C-alpha atoms as a PDB file:
ATOM      1  CA  GLN A   1       0.000   0.000   0.000  1.00  0.00           C
ATOM      2  CA  VAL A   2       1.361   3.404  -0.957  1.00  0.00           C
ATOM      3  CA  GLN A   3       1.350   6.407   1.371  1.00  0.00           C
ATOM      4  CA  LEU A   4       1.554  10.020   0.218  1.00  0.00           C
ATOM      5  CA  VAL A   5       2.543  12.925   2.463  1.00  0.00           C
ATOM      6  CA  GLU A   6       2.401  16.520   1.290  1.00  0.00           C
ATOM      7  CA  SER A   7       4.393  19.437   2.673  1.00  0.00           C
ATOM      8  CA  GLY A   8       5.395  22.959   1.754  1.00  0.00           C
ATOM      9  CA  GLY A   9       2.117  24.791   2.063  1.00  0.00           C
ATOM     10  CA  GLY A  10       1.796  28.134   3.766  1.00  0.00           C
ATOM     11  CA  SER A  11       0.467  31.674   3.639  1.00  0.00           C
ATOM     12  CA  VAL A  12       2.013  34.073   1.161  1.00  0.00           C
ATOM     13  CA  GLU A  13       1.201  37.334  -0.581  1.00  0.00           C
ATOM     14  CA  ALA A  14       0.150  37.425  -4.195  1.00  0.00           C
ATOM     15  CA  GLY A  15       3.085  37.265  -6.572  1.00  0.00           C
ATOM     16  CA  LYS A  16       5.187  35.100  -4.284  1.00  0.00           C
ATOM     17  CA  SER A  17       6.206  31.456  -4.746  1.00  0.00           C
ATOM     18  CA  LEU A  18       5.820  28.173  -2.917  1.00  0.00           C
ATOM     19  CA  ARG A  19       7.087  24.676  -3.609  1.00  0.00           C
ATOM     20  CA  LEU A  20       4.959  21.746  -2.546  1.00  0.00           C
ATOM     21  CA  SER A  21       6.420  18.303  -2.014  1.00  0.00           C
ATOM     22  CA  CYS A  22       4.731  14.910  -2.068  1.00  0.00           C
ATOM     23  CA  THR A  23       6.762  12.105  -0.559  1.00  0.00           C
ATOM     24  CA  VAL A  24       5.788   8.590  -1.577  1.00  0.00           C
ATOM     25  CA  SER A  25       6.423   5.522   0.573  1.00  0.00           C
ATOM     26  CA  GLY A  26       5.292   1.924   0.634  1.00  0.00           C
ATOM     27  CA  SER A  27       4.702  -0.414  -2.243  1.00  0.00           C
ATOM     28  CA  GLY A  28       2.376   0.544  -5.040  1.00  0.00           C
ATOM     29  CA  ARG A  29       1.672  -0.123  -8.676  1.00  0.00           C
ATOM     30  CA  GLY A  30       3.128   3.146  -9.934  1.00  0.00           C
ATOM     31  CA  GLY A  31       1.249   5.007 -12.593  1.00  0.00           C
ATOM     32  CA  SER A  32       0.355   8.614 -13.141  1.00  0.00           C
ATOM     33  CA  MET A  33       0.715  11.179 -10.381  1.00  0.00           C
ATOM     34  CA  ALA A  34      -1.054  14.480  -9.967  1.00  0.00           C
ATOM     35  CA  TRP A  35      -1.780  17.481  -7.786  1.00  0.00           C
ATOM     36  CA  PHE A  36      -5.364  18.477  -7.048  1.00  0.00           C
ATOM     37  CA  ARG A  37      -6.807  21.486  -5.261  1.00  0.00           C
ATOM     38  CA  GLN A  38      -9.833  21.655  -3.020  1.00  0.00           C
ATOM     39  CA  SER A  39     -11.154  25.180  -2.715  1.00  0.00           C
ATOM     40  CA  LEU A  40     -14.153  27.426  -3.177  1.00  0.00           C
ATOM     41  CA  GLN A  41     -13.005  27.752  -6.793  1.00  0.00           C
ATOM     42  CA  PRO A  42     -12.164  24.121  -7.608  1.00  0.00           C
ATOM     43  CA  GLU A  43     -10.527  23.040 -10.810  1.00  0.00           C
ATOM     44  CA  ARG A  44     -12.479  20.688 -13.060  1.00  0.00           C
ATOM     45  CA  GLY A  45      -9.689  18.156 -12.711  1.00  0.00           C
ATOM     46  CA  ALA A  46      -6.033  18.072 -11.722  1.00  0.00           C
ATOM     47  CA  VAL A  47      -4.009  21.221 -11.279  1.00  0.00           C
ATOM     48  CA  ALA A  48      -1.031  19.371 -12.761  1.00  0.00           C
ATOM     49  CA  ALA A  49      -0.136  15.792 -13.565  1.00  0.00           C
ATOM     50  CA  LEU A  50       2.641  13.520 -14.766  1.00  0.00           C
ATOM     51  CA  TYR A  51       1.409  10.619 -16.832  1.00  0.00           C
ATOM     52  CA  THR A  52       2.253   8.096 -19.496  1.00  0.00           C
ATOM     53  CA  SER A  53       0.771   9.315 -22.750  1.00  0.00           C
ATOM     54  CA  LEU A  54      -1.330   6.999 -24.890  1.00  0.00           C
ATOM     55  CA  THR A  55      -0.896   9.574 -27.677  1.00  0.00           C
ATOM     56  CA  THR A  56       2.912   9.717 -27.822  1.00  0.00           C
ATOM     57  CA  ARG A  57       3.739   6.533 -25.877  1.00  0.00           C
ATOM     58  CA  GLY A  58       6.028   8.695 -23.768  1.00  0.00           C
ATOM     59  CA  ALA A  59       5.916  10.864 -20.688  1.00  0.00           C
ATOM     60  CA  GLY A  60       3.226  13.508 -20.581  1.00  0.00           C
ATOM     61  CA  THR A  61       2.633  16.621 -18.489  1.00  0.00           C
ATOM     62  CA  TYR A  62      -0.761  18.186 -17.837  1.00  0.00           C
ATOM     63  CA  TYR A  63      -1.537  21.664 -16.472  1.00  0.00           C
ATOM     64  CA  ALA A  64      -4.873  23.277 -15.869  1.00  0.00           C
ATOM     65  CA  ASP A  65      -5.281  26.424 -17.965  1.00  0.00           C
ATOM     66  CA  SER A  66      -5.376  28.555 -14.814  1.00  0.00           C
ATOM     67  CA  VAL A  67      -1.825  27.576 -13.822  1.00  0.00           C
ATOM     68  CA  LYS A  68      -0.046  27.207 -17.172  1.00  0.00           C
ATOM     69  CA  GLY A  69       3.145  29.225 -17.257  1.00  0.00           C
ATOM     70  CA  ARG A  70       3.139  29.679 -13.467  1.00  0.00           C
ATOM     71  CA  PHE A  71       3.261  26.151 -12.001  1.00  0.00           C
ATOM     72  CA  THR A  72       5.750  23.385 -12.757  1.00  0.00           C
ATOM     73  CA  ILE A  73       5.294  19.749 -11.795  1.00  0.00           C
ATOM     74  CA  SER A  74       8.313  17.482 -11.472  1.00  0.00           C
ATOM     75  CA  LYS A  75       9.429  14.277  -9.844  1.00  0.00           C
ATOM     76  CA  ASP A  76      12.684  13.071  -8.298  1.00  0.00           C
ATOM     77  CA  ASN A  77      12.580   9.285  -8.488  1.00  0.00           C
ATOM     78  CA  ALA A  78      15.703   8.924  -6.336  1.00  0.00           C
ATOM     79  CA  LYS A  79      13.921  10.740  -3.514  1.00  0.00           C
ATOM     80  CA  ASN A  80      10.479   9.249  -4.209  1.00  0.00           C
ATOM     81  CA  THR A  81       9.176  12.789  -4.216  1.00  0.00           C
ATOM     82  CA  MET A  82       6.966  14.800  -6.540  1.00  0.00           C
ATOM     83  CA  TYR A  83       7.015  18.583  -6.516  1.00  0.00           C
ATOM     84  CA  LEU A  84       4.785  21.451  -7.532  1.00  0.00           C
ATOM     85  CA  GLN A  85       6.653  24.722  -7.994  1.00  0.00           C
ATOM     86  CA  MET A  86       4.112  27.523  -7.800  1.00  0.00           C
ATOM     87  CA  ASN A  87       5.206  30.964  -8.971  1.00  0.00           C
ATOM     88  CA  SER A  88       3.319  34.230  -9.345  1.00  0.00           C
ATOM     89  CA  LEU A  89       0.705  33.008  -6.930  1.00  0.00           C
ATOM     90  CA  LYS A  90      -2.770  34.557  -7.061  1.00  0.00           C
ATOM     91  CA  PRO A  91      -5.522  34.656  -4.414  1.00  0.00           C
ATOM     92  CA  GLU A  92      -7.543  32.235  -6.536  1.00  0.00           C
ATOM     93  CA  ASP A  93      -4.778  29.641  -6.054  1.00  0.00           C
ATOM     94  CA  THR A  94      -5.820  29.377  -2.404  1.00  0.00           C
ATOM     95  CA  GLY A  95      -6.907  25.918  -1.313  1.00  0.00           C
ATOM     96  CA  THR A  96      -5.861  22.562   0.044  1.00  0.00           C
ATOM     97  CA  TYR A  97      -3.486  20.873  -2.341  1.00  0.00           C
ATOM     98  CA  TYR A  98      -3.198  17.119  -2.274  1.00  0.00           C
ATOM     99  CA  CYS A  99      -1.203  14.711  -4.356  1.00  0.00           C
ATOM    100  CA  ALA A 100      -2.490  11.534  -5.898  1.00  0.00           C
ATOM    101  CA  ALA A 101      -0.845   8.433  -7.325  1.00  0.00           C
ATOM    102  CA  GLU A 102      -1.652   5.147  -9.019  1.00  0.00           C
ATOM    103  CA  GLY A 103      -3.414   6.823 -11.891  1.00  0.00           C
ATOM    104  CA  PRO A 104      -3.979   5.449 -15.404  1.00  0.00           C
ATOM    105  CA  TYR A 105      -2.419   6.257 -18.753  1.00  0.00           C
ATOM    106  CA  TYR A 106      -3.981   9.262 -20.498  1.00  0.00           C
ATOM    107  CA  HIS A 107      -4.393  10.654 -23.968  1.00  0.00           C
ATOM    108  CA  ASP A 108      -2.929  14.149 -24.253  1.00  0.00           C
ATOM    109  CA  THR A 109      -6.449  15.586 -24.590  1.00  0.00           C
ATOM    110  CA  ASP A 110      -7.665  13.998 -21.362  1.00  0.00           C
ATOM    111  CA  VAL A 111      -8.157  15.874 -18.092  1.00  0.00           C
ATOM    112  CA  PRO A 112      -6.947  13.812 -15.127  1.00  0.00           C
ATOM    113  CA  MET A 113      -9.772  13.480 -12.600  1.00  0.00           C
ATOM    114  CA  ALA A 114      -9.530  12.606  -8.923  1.00  0.00           C
ATOM    115  CA  PRO A 115     -11.509   9.317  -9.086  1.00  0.00           C
ATOM    116  CA  ASP A 116      -8.968   8.022 -11.614  1.00  0.00           C
ATOM    117  CA  PHE A 117      -6.308   7.688  -8.915  1.00  0.00           C
ATOM    118  CA  GLY A 118      -5.932   4.902  -6.405  1.00  0.00           C
ATOM    119  CA  ALA A 119      -4.113   6.781  -3.662  1.00  0.00           C
ATOM    120  CA  ARG A 120      -4.069  10.323  -2.301  1.00  0.00           C
ATOM    121  CA  GLY A 121      -2.512  12.254   0.553  1.00  0.00           C
ATOM    122  CA  GLN A 122      -4.126  14.372   3.255  1.00  0.00           C
ATOM    123  CA  GLY A 123      -3.238  17.678   1.706  1.00  0.00           C
ATOM    124  CA  THR A 124      -1.380  20.856   2.552  1.00  0.00           C
ATOM    125  CA  GLN A 125      -2.982  24.293   2.827  1.00  0.00           C
ATOM    126  CA  VAL A 126      -1.963  27.147   0.550  1.00  0.00           C
ATOM    127  CA  THR A 127      -3.321  30.599   1.286  1.00  0.00           C
ATOM    128  CA  VAL A 128      -2.553  33.526  -1.005  1.00  0.00           C
ATOM    129  CA  SER A 129      -3.520  37.007   0.149  1.00  0.00           C
ATOM    130  CA  SER A 130      -3.964  39.992  -2.104  1.00  0.00           C
END
């Protein structure tokens, strides 16, 4: 069973940056990983995701339109950790961010959705003030 623990949240002013971390432990079946946000202004699906693409047969990266150009998702396999670098933060980015793992392959036109994933963490709070 895989366990996911998020860290790095906090309270910042608009325009500042935060880096979230998601540490993975235990045995799992791998698969796609993603960041989701729970907030009063929820995203339709993932904020960002790393997946295996059914379109290109290679690695794929997904970003919600609201974070493109500002957020960067990455993974350090040696540290079993996934990151979400969040720059130019806006008040509408406020929410509880949680990571998810054991997701499926996706086509590049797909939007990763929370029920697709077999494991998730508890979340870390991000608050952005104007």
